[in-house]
Amino acid sequence: IQYYSDMLNIVKTADSASVEKLSIMDKFMVF
């Protein structure tokens, strides 16, 4: 649940530079 909370926060607030730094799986999740 915490992972999905963290991903939700990234979806809401992360800009392209922050998303680019994520692991491939997390990046796919955000996209």
Full PDB file with SEQRES, HELIX, SHEET, SSBOND, CRYST1, ORIGX, SCALE, CONECT and MASTER records, all heavy atoms in Angstrom:
SEQRES   1 A   31  ILE GLN TYR TYR SER ASP MET LEU ASN ILE VAL LYS THR          
SEQRES   2 A   31  ALA ASP SER ALA SER VAL GLU LYS LEU SER ILE MET ASP          
SEQRES   3 A   31  LYS PHE MET VAL PHE                                          
HELIX    1 AA1 GLN A    2  THR A   13  1                                  12    
HELIX    2 AA2 SER A   16  GLU A   20  1                                   5    
HELIX    3 AA3 ILE A   24  VAL A   30  1                                   7    
CRYST1    1.000    1.000    1.000  90.00  90.00  90.00 P 1           1          
ORIGX1      1.000000  0.000000  0.000000        0.00000                         
ORIGX2      0.000000  1.000000  0.000000        0.00000                         
ORIGX3      0.000000  0.000000  1.000000        0.00000                         
SCALE1      1.000000  0.000000  0.000000        0.00000                         
SCALE2      0.000000  1.000000  0.000000        0.00000                         
SCALE3      0.000000  0.000000  1.000000        0.00000                         
ATOM      1  N   ILE A   1       0.844  -1.201   0.000  1.00  0.00           N  
ATOM      2  CA  ILE A   1       0.000   0.000   0.000  1.00  0.00           C  
ATOM      3  C   ILE A   1       0.880   1.252   0.000  1.00  0.00           C  
ATOM      4  O   ILE A   1       0.608   2.217  -0.712  1.00  0.00           O  
ATOM      5  CB  ILE A   1      -0.972   0.012   1.203  1.00  0.00           C  
ATOM      6  CG1 ILE A   1      -1.904  -1.216   1.176  1.00  0.00           C  
ATOM      7  CG2 ILE A   1      -1.769   1.310   1.238  1.00  0.00           C  
ATOM      8  CD1 ILE A   1      -2.806  -1.357  -0.023  1.00  0.00           C  
ATOM      9  N   GLN A   2       1.972   1.220   0.764  1.00  0.00           N  
ATOM     10  CA  GLN A   2       2.892   2.367   0.804  1.00  0.00           C  
ATOM     11  C   GLN A   2       3.524   2.614  -0.565  1.00  0.00           C  
ATOM     12  O   GLN A   2       3.681   3.756  -0.987  1.00  0.00           O  
ATOM     13  CB  GLN A   2       3.978   2.161   1.858  1.00  0.00           C  
ATOM     14  CG  GLN A   2       4.870   3.385   2.046  1.00  0.00           C  
ATOM     15  CD  GLN A   2       4.087   4.619   2.486  1.00  0.00           C  
ATOM     16  OE1 GLN A   2       3.351   4.581   3.467  1.00  0.00           O  
ATOM     17  NE2 GLN A   2       4.224   5.721   1.744  1.00  0.00           N  
ATOM     18  N   TYR A   3       3.884   1.547  -1.264  1.00  0.00           N  
ATOM     19  CA  TYR A   3       4.449   1.690  -2.614  1.00  0.00           C  
ATOM     20  C   TYR A   3       3.455   2.421  -3.521  1.00  0.00           C  
ATOM     21  O   TYR A   3       3.830   3.347  -4.255  1.00  0.00           O  
ATOM     22  CB  TYR A   3       4.810   0.323  -3.209  1.00  0.00           C  
ATOM     23  CG  TYR A   3       5.182   0.414  -4.670  1.00  0.00           C  
ATOM     24  CD1 TYR A   3       6.456   0.838  -5.057  1.00  0.00           C  
ATOM     25  CD2 TYR A   3       4.265   0.113  -5.669  1.00  0.00           C  
ATOM     26  CE1 TYR A   3       6.797   0.950  -6.393  1.00  0.00           C  
ATOM     27  CE2 TYR A   3       4.602   0.222  -7.005  1.00  0.00           C  
ATOM     28  CZ  TYR A   3       5.860   0.645  -7.365  1.00  0.00           C  
ATOM     29  OH  TYR A   3       6.189   0.762  -8.699  1.00  0.00           O  
ATOM     30  N   TYR A   4       2.194   2.005  -3.476  1.00  0.00           N  
ATOM     31  CA  TYR A   4       1.185   2.654  -4.324  1.00  0.00           C  
ATOM     32  C   TYR A   4       0.937   4.098  -3.883  1.00  0.00           C  
ATOM     33  O   TYR A   4       0.694   4.968  -4.720  1.00  0.00           O  
ATOM     34  CB  TYR A   4      -0.105   1.824  -4.390  1.00  0.00           C  
ATOM     35  CG  TYR A   4       0.040   0.710  -5.401  1.00  0.00           C  
ATOM     36  CD1 TYR A   4       0.582  -0.517  -5.040  1.00  0.00           C  
ATOM     37  CD2 TYR A   4      -0.306   0.901  -6.728  1.00  0.00           C  
ATOM     38  CE1 TYR A   4       0.769  -1.524  -5.976  1.00  0.00           C  
ATOM     39  CE2 TYR A   4      -0.125  -0.095  -7.671  1.00  0.00           C  
ATOM     40  CZ  TYR A   4       0.419  -1.307  -7.288  1.00  0.00           C  
ATOM     41  OH  TYR A   4       0.611  -2.294  -8.218  1.00  0.00           O  
ATOM     42  N   SER A   5       1.039   4.372  -2.599  1.00  0.00           N  
ATOM     43  CA  SER A   5       0.950   5.763  -2.113  1.00  0.00           C  
ATOM     44  C   SER A   5       2.109   6.587  -2.664  1.00  0.00           C  
ATOM     45  O   SER A   5       1.919   7.719  -3.117  1.00  0.00           O  
ATOM     46  CB  SER A   5       0.972   5.809  -0.584  1.00  0.00           C  
ATOM     47  OG  SER A   5      -0.173   5.214  -0.047  1.00  0.00           O  
ATOM     48  N   ASP A   6       3.307   6.006  -2.616  1.00  0.00           N  
ATOM     49  CA  ASP A   6       4.485   6.699  -3.132  1.00  0.00           C  
ATOM     50  C   ASP A   6       4.361   6.939  -4.634  1.00  0.00           C  
ATOM     51  O   ASP A   6       4.684   8.030  -5.131  1.00  0.00           O  
ATOM     52  CB  ASP A   6       5.760   5.894  -2.844  1.00  0.00           C  
ATOM     53  CG  ASP A   6       6.067   5.793  -1.351  1.00  0.00           C  
ATOM     54  OD1 ASP A   6       5.480   6.557  -0.546  1.00  0.00           O  
ATOM     55  OD2 ASP A   6       6.892   4.920  -0.992  1.00  0.00           O  
ATOM     56  N   MET A   7       3.902   5.944  -5.367  1.00  0.00           N  
ATOM     57  CA  MET A   7       3.726   6.097  -6.823  1.00  0.00           C  
ATOM     58  C   MET A   7       2.683   7.175  -7.124  1.00  0.00           C  
ATOM     59  O   MET A   7       2.852   7.978  -8.037  1.00  0.00           O  
ATOM     60  CB  MET A   7       3.297   4.774  -7.464  1.00  0.00           C  
ATOM     61  CG  MET A   7       4.406   3.765  -7.612  1.00  0.00           C  
ATOM     62  SD  MET A   7       5.676   4.279  -8.810  1.00  0.00           S  
ATOM     63  CE  MET A   7       6.964   4.812  -7.715  1.00  0.00           C  
ATOM     64  N   LEU A   8       1.615   7.189  -6.343  1.00  0.00           N  
ATOM     65  CA  LEU A   8       0.573   8.195  -6.534  1.00  0.00           C  
ATOM     66  C   LEU A   8       1.140   9.598  -6.332  1.00  0.00           C  
ATOM     67  O   LEU A   8       0.859  10.509  -7.117  1.00  0.00           O  
ATOM     68  CB  LEU A   8      -0.592   7.939  -5.575  1.00  0.00           C  
ATOM     69  CG  LEU A   8      -1.777   8.885  -5.682  1.00  0.00           C  
ATOM     70  CD1 LEU A   8      -2.395   8.845  -7.077  1.00  0.00           C  
ATOM     71  CD2 LEU A   8      -2.816   8.523  -4.627  1.00  0.00           C  
ATOM     72  N   ASN A   9       1.960   9.766  -5.321  1.00  0.00           N  
ATOM     73  CA  ASN A   9       2.587  11.055  -5.073  1.00  0.00           C  
ATOM     74  C   ASN A   9       3.475  11.461  -6.252  1.00  0.00           C  
ATOM     75  O   ASN A   9       3.468  12.623  -6.677  1.00  0.00           O  
ATOM     76  CB  ASN A   9       3.397  11.017  -3.778  1.00  0.00           C  
ATOM     77  CG  ASN A   9       3.952  12.382  -3.425  1.00  0.00           C  
ATOM     78  OD1 ASN A   9       3.219  13.377  -3.385  1.00  0.00           O  
ATOM     79  ND2 ASN A   9       5.244  12.442  -3.181  1.00  0.00           N  
ATOM     80  N   ILE A  10       4.221  10.506  -6.796  1.00  0.00           N  
ATOM     81  CA  ILE A  10       5.067  10.787  -7.957  1.00  0.00           C  
ATOM     82  C   ILE A  10       4.209  11.164  -9.163  1.00  0.00           C  
ATOM     83  O   ILE A  10       4.520  12.121  -9.878  1.00  0.00           O  
ATOM     84  CB  ILE A  10       5.989   9.576  -8.253  1.00  0.00           C  
ATOM     85  CG1 ILE A  10       7.026   9.438  -7.128  1.00  0.00           C  
ATOM     86  CG2 ILE A  10       6.671   9.718  -9.614  1.00  0.00           C  
ATOM     87  CD1 ILE A  10       7.800   8.128  -7.151  1.00  0.00           C  
ATOM     88  N   VAL A  11       3.146  10.419  -9.399  1.00  0.00           N  
ATOM     89  CA  VAL A  11       2.235  10.724 -10.513  1.00  0.00           C  
ATOM     90  C   VAL A  11       1.717  12.155 -10.397  1.00  0.00           C  
ATOM     91  O   VAL A  11       1.681  12.896 -11.372  1.00  0.00           O  
ATOM     92  CB  VAL A  11       1.048   9.723 -10.553  1.00  0.00           C  
ATOM     93  CG1 VAL A  11      -0.067  10.205 -11.462  1.00  0.00           C  
ATOM     94  CG2 VAL A  11       1.532   8.347 -10.993  1.00  0.00           C  
ATOM     95  N   LYS A  12       1.366  12.521  -9.182  1.00  0.00           N  
ATOM     96  CA  LYS A  12       0.795  13.855  -8.963  1.00  0.00           C  
ATOM     97  C   LYS A  12       1.817  14.971  -9.077  1.00  0.00           C  
ATOM     98  O   LYS A  12       1.478  16.060  -9.542  1.00  0.00           O  
ATOM     99  CB  LYS A  12       0.155  13.924  -7.564  1.00  0.00           C  
ATOM    100  CG  LYS A  12      -1.114  13.125  -7.429  1.00  0.00           C  
ATOM    101  CD  LYS A  12      -1.622  13.240  -5.992  1.00  0.00           C  
ATOM    102  CE  LYS A  12      -2.912  12.489  -5.765  1.00  0.00           C  
ATOM    103  NZ  LYS A  12      -3.374  12.628  -4.366  1.00  0.00           N  
ATOM    104  N   THR A  13       3.050  14.743  -8.643  1.00  0.00           N  
ATOM    105  CA  THR A  13       3.975  15.866  -8.474  1.00  0.00           C  
ATOM    106  C   THR A  13       5.255  15.833  -9.298  1.00  0.00           C  
ATOM    107  O   THR A  13       5.899  16.874  -9.449  1.00  0.00           O  
ATOM    108  CB  THR A  13       4.389  15.984  -6.992  1.00  0.00           C  
ATOM    109  OG1 THR A  13       5.094  14.795  -6.605  1.00  0.00           O  
ATOM    110  CG2 THR A  13       3.175  16.183  -6.087  1.00  0.00           C  
ATOM    111  N   ALA A  14       5.672  14.678  -9.810  1.00  0.00           N  
ATOM    112  CA  ALA A  14       6.986  14.575 -10.449  1.00  0.00           C  
ATOM    113  C   ALA A  14       7.007  15.172 -11.852  1.00  0.00           C  
ATOM    114  O   ALA A  14       6.121  14.901 -12.665  1.00  0.00           O  
ATOM    115  CB  ALA A  14       7.433  13.116 -10.492  1.00  0.00           C  
ATOM    116  N   ASP A  15       8.055  15.946 -12.109  1.00  0.00           N  
ATOM    117  CA  ASP A  15       8.249  16.486 -13.454  1.00  0.00           C  
ATOM    118  C   ASP A  15       9.028  15.460 -14.288  1.00  0.00           C  
ATOM    119  O   ASP A  15       9.408  14.391 -13.796  1.00  0.00           O  
ATOM    120  CB  ASP A  15       8.981  17.827 -13.398  1.00  0.00           C  
ATOM    121  CG  ASP A  15      10.366  17.735 -12.759  1.00  0.00           C  
ATOM    122  OD1 ASP A  15      10.905  16.619 -12.599  1.00  0.00           O  
ATOM    123  OD2 ASP A  15      10.908  18.796 -12.422  1.00  0.00           O  
ATOM    124  N   SER A  16       9.275  15.787 -15.545  1.00  0.00           N  
ATOM    125  CA  SER A  16       9.908  14.837 -16.463  1.00  0.00           C  
ATOM    126  C   SER A  16      11.302  14.422 -15.991  1.00  0.00           C  
ATOM    127  O   SER A  16      11.675  13.256 -16.122  1.00  0.00           O  
ATOM    128  CB  SER A  16       9.977  15.411 -17.874  1.00  0.00           C  
ATOM    129  OG  SER A  16      10.702  16.626 -17.887  1.00  0.00           O  
ATOM    130  N   ALA A  17      12.072  15.358 -15.437  1.00  0.00           N  
ATOM    131  CA  ALA A  17      13.422  15.023 -14.967  1.00  0.00           C  
ATOM    132  C   ALA A  17      13.361  14.005 -13.827  1.00  0.00           C  
ATOM    133  O   ALA A  17      14.166  13.072 -13.772  1.00  0.00           O  
ATOM    134  CB  ALA A  17      14.160  16.273 -14.515  1.00  0.00           C  
ATOM    135  N   SER A  18      12.405  14.159 -12.930  1.00  0.00           N  
ATOM    136  CA  SER A  18      12.248  13.220 -11.816  1.00  0.00           C  
ATOM    137  C   SER A  18      11.784  11.853 -12.315  1.00  0.00           C  
ATOM    138  O   SER A  18      12.272  10.820 -11.844  1.00  0.00           O  
ATOM    139  CB  SER A  18      11.243  13.756 -10.800  1.00  0.00           C  
ATOM    140  OG  SER A  18      11.693  14.979 -10.266  1.00  0.00           O  
ATOM    141  N   VAL A  19      10.852  11.839 -13.258  1.00  0.00           N  
ATOM    142  CA  VAL A  19      10.346  10.574 -13.795  1.00  0.00           C  
ATOM    143  C   VAL A  19      11.468   9.835 -14.524  1.00  0.00           C  
ATOM    144  O   VAL A  19      11.609   8.619 -14.395  1.00  0.00           O  
ATOM    145  CB  VAL A  19       9.135  10.809 -14.731  1.00  0.00           C  
ATOM    146  CG1 VAL A  19       8.730   9.524 -15.440  1.00  0.00           C  
ATOM    147  CG2 VAL A  19       7.959  11.378 -13.941  1.00  0.00           C  
ATOM    148  N   GLU A  20      12.280  10.564 -15.256  1.00  0.00           N  
ATOM    149  CA  GLU A  20      13.371   9.950 -16.026  1.00  0.00           C  
ATOM    150  C   GLU A  20      14.346   9.194 -15.124  1.00  0.00           C  
ATOM    151  O   GLU A  20      14.946   8.205 -15.540  1.00  0.00           O  
ATOM    152  CB  GLU A  20      14.108  11.018 -16.825  1.00  0.00           C  
ATOM    153  CG  GLU A  20      15.114  10.471 -17.810  1.00  0.00           C  
ATOM    154  CD  GLU A  20      14.512   9.568 -18.879  1.00  0.00           C  
ATOM    155  OE1 GLU A  20      13.577   9.992 -19.577  1.00  0.00           O  
ATOM    156  OE2 GLU A  20      14.977   8.421 -19.008  1.00  0.00           O  
ATOM    157  N   LYS A  21      14.482   9.603 -13.871  1.00  0.00           N  
ATOM    158  CA  LYS A  21      15.423   8.971 -12.935  1.00  0.00           C  
ATOM    159  C   LYS A  21      14.874   7.686 -12.298  1.00  0.00           C  
ATOM    160  O   LYS A  21      15.616   6.963 -11.642  1.00  0.00           O  
ATOM    161  CB  LYS A  21      15.778   9.958 -11.816  1.00  0.00           C  
ATOM    162  CG  LYS A  21      16.574  11.147 -12.295  1.00  0.00           C  
ATOM    163  CD  LYS A  21      16.798  12.115 -11.149  1.00  0.00           C  
ATOM    164  CE  LYS A  21      17.395  13.419 -11.647  1.00  0.00           C  
ATOM    165  NZ  LYS A  21      17.374  14.454 -10.610  1.00  0.00           N  
ATOM    166  N   LEU A  22      13.605   7.400 -12.474  1.00  0.00           N  
ATOM    167  CA  LEU A  22      12.988   6.224 -11.854  1.00  0.00           C  
ATOM    168  C   LEU A  22      13.473   4.933 -12.505  1.00  0.00           C  
ATOM    169  O   LEU A  22      13.927   4.933 -13.652  1.00  0.00           O  
ATOM    170  CB  LEU A  22      11.463   6.307 -11.978  1.00  0.00           C  
ATOM    171  CG  LEU A  22      10.763   7.466 -11.280  1.00  0.00           C  
ATOM    172  CD1 LEU A  22       9.285   7.486 -11.659  1.00  0.00           C  
ATOM    173  CD2 LEU A  22      10.930   7.386  -9.777  1.00  0.00           C  
ATOM    174  N   SER A  23      13.309   3.823 -11.787  1.00  0.00           N  
ATOM    175  CA  SER A  23      13.580   2.507 -12.388  1.00  0.00           C  
ATOM    176  C   SER A  23      12.589   2.313 -13.539  1.00  0.00           C  
ATOM    177  O   SER A  23      11.533   2.952 -13.573  1.00  0.00           O  
ATOM    178  CB  SER A  23      13.389   1.392 -11.352  1.00  0.00           C  
ATOM    179  OG  SER A  23      12.007   1.185 -11.098  1.00  0.00           O  
ATOM    180  N   ILE A  24      12.914   1.428 -14.456  1.00  0.00           N  
ATOM    181  CA  ILE A  24      12.053   1.207 -15.616  1.00  0.00           C  
ATOM    182  C   ILE A  24      10.639   0.797 -15.191  1.00  0.00           C  
ATOM    183  O   ILE A  24       9.659   1.232 -15.775  1.00  0.00           O  
ATOM    184  CB  ILE A  24      12.679   0.188 -16.599  1.00  0.00           C  
ATOM    185  CG1 ILE A  24      11.845   0.108 -17.892  1.00  0.00           C  
ATOM    186  CG2 ILE A  24      12.863  -1.169 -15.952  1.00  0.00           C  
ATOM    187  CD1 ILE A  24      12.519  -0.682 -18.998  1.00  0.00           C  
ATOM    188  N   MET A  25      10.528  -0.013 -14.158  1.00  0.00           N  
ATOM    189  CA  MET A  25       9.212  -0.451 -13.711  1.00  0.00           C  
ATOM    190  C   MET A  25       8.407   0.699 -13.103  1.00  0.00           C  
ATOM    191  O   MET A  25       7.227   0.859 -13.390  1.00  0.00           O  
ATOM    192  CB  MET A  25       9.340  -1.586 -12.703  1.00  0.00           C  
ATOM    193  CG  MET A  25       8.016  -2.251 -12.414  1.00  0.00           C  
ATOM    194  SD  MET A  25       8.224  -3.612 -11.305  1.00  0.00           S  
ATOM    195  CE  MET A  25       7.122  -3.093 -10.023  1.00  0.00           C  
ATOM    196  N   ASP A  26       9.055   1.500 -12.251  1.00  0.00           N  
ATOM    197  CA  ASP A  26       8.356   2.633 -11.653  1.00  0.00           C  
ATOM    198  C   ASP A  26       7.970   3.665 -12.720  1.00  0.00           C  
ATOM    199  O   ASP A  26       6.894   4.255 -12.664  1.00  0.00           O  
ATOM    200  CB  ASP A  26       9.215   3.290 -10.575  1.00  0.00           C  
ATOM    201  CG  ASP A  26       9.356   2.423  -9.328  1.00  0.00           C  
ATOM    202  OD1 ASP A  26       8.652   1.396  -9.223  1.00  0.00           O  
ATOM    203  OD2 ASP A  26      10.176   2.770  -8.455  1.00  0.00           O  
ATOM    204  N   LYS A  27       8.857   3.864 -13.678  1.00  0.00           N  
ATOM    205  CA  LYS A  27       8.572   4.804 -14.763  1.00  0.00           C  
ATOM    206  C   LYS A  27       7.341   4.328 -15.546  1.00  0.00           C  
ATOM    207  O   LYS A  27       6.451   5.113 -15.852  1.00  0.00           O  
ATOM    208  CB  LYS A  27       9.787   4.903 -15.686  1.00  0.00           C  
ATOM    209  CG  LYS A  27       9.716   6.044 -16.665  1.00  0.00           C  
ATOM    210  CD  LYS A  27      10.847   6.032 -17.691  1.00  0.00           C  
ATOM    211  CE  LYS A  27      12.215   6.142 -17.100  1.00  0.00           C  
ATOM    212  NZ  LYS A  27      13.247   6.250 -18.162  1.00  0.00           N  
ATOM    213  N   PHE A  28       7.308   3.029 -15.843  1.00  0.00           N  
ATOM    214  CA  PHE A  28       6.154   2.489 -16.565  1.00  0.00           C  
ATOM    215  C   PHE A  28       4.879   2.669 -15.745  1.00  0.00           C  
ATOM    216  O   PHE A  28       3.831   3.011 -16.287  1.00  0.00           O  
ATOM    217  CB  PHE A  28       6.363   1.010 -16.925  1.00  0.00           C  
ATOM    218  CG  PHE A  28       5.235   0.454 -17.749  1.00  0.00           C  
ATOM    219  CD1 PHE A  28       5.056   0.859 -19.059  1.00  0.00           C  
ATOM    220  CD2 PHE A  28       4.339  -0.447 -17.202  1.00  0.00           C  
ATOM    221  CE1 PHE A  28       4.001   0.369 -19.822  1.00  0.00           C  
ATOM    222  CE2 PHE A  28       3.284  -0.940 -17.948  1.00  0.00           C  
ATOM    223  CZ  PHE A  28       3.116  -0.531 -19.266  1.00  0.00           C  
ATOM    224  N   MET A  29       4.974   2.460 -14.442  1.00  0.00           N  
ATOM    225  CA  MET A  29       3.818   2.640 -13.565  1.00  0.00           C  
ATOM    226  C   MET A  29       3.308   4.082 -13.651  1.00  0.00           C  
ATOM    227  O   MET A  29       2.111   4.318 -13.821  1.00  0.00           O  
ATOM    228  CB  MET A  29       4.195   2.290 -12.127  1.00  0.00           C  
ATOM    229  CG  MET A  29       3.102   2.544 -11.113  1.00  0.00           C  
ATOM    230  SD  MET A  29       1.816   1.308 -11.097  1.00  0.00           S  
ATOM    231  CE  MET A  29       2.661  -0.021 -10.293  1.00  0.00           C  
ATOM    232  N   VAL A  30       4.213   5.053 -13.550  1.00  0.00           N  
ATOM    233  CA  VAL A  30       3.826   6.469 -13.628  1.00  0.00           C  
ATOM    234  C   VAL A  30       3.196   6.763 -14.983  1.00  0.00           C  
ATOM    235  O   VAL A  30       2.129   7.386 -15.077  1.00  0.00           O  
ATOM    236  CB  VAL A  30       5.037   7.391 -13.359  1.00  0.00           C  
ATOM    237  CG1 VAL A  30       4.714   8.839 -13.683  1.00  0.00           C  
ATOM    238  CG2 VAL A  30       5.487   7.251 -11.907  1.00  0.00           C  
ATOM    239  N   PHE A  31       3.845   6.318 -16.056  1.00  0.00           N  
ATOM    240  CA  PHE A  31       3.312   6.554 -17.404  1.00  0.00           C  
ATOM    241  C   PHE A  31       1.931   5.915 -17.568  1.00  0.00           C  
ATOM    242  O   PHE A  31       1.013   6.529 -18.117  1.00  0.00           O  
ATOM    243  CB  PHE A  31       4.250   5.975 -18.469  1.00  0.00           C  
ATOM    244  CG  PHE A  31       5.521   6.738 -18.686  1.00  0.00           C  
ATOM    245  CD1 PHE A  31       6.604   6.119 -19.290  1.00  0.00           C  
ATOM    246  CD2 PHE A  31       5.652   8.070 -18.309  1.00  0.00           C  
ATOM    247  CE1 PHE A  31       7.789   6.807 -19.520  1.00  0.00           C  
ATOM    248  CE2 PHE A  31       6.835   8.770 -18.525  1.00  0.00           C  
ATOM    249  CZ  PHE A  31       7.901   8.133 -19.140  1.00  0.00           C  
TER     250      PHE A  31                                                      
MASTER        0    0    0    3    0    0    0    6  249    1    0    3          
END                                                                             
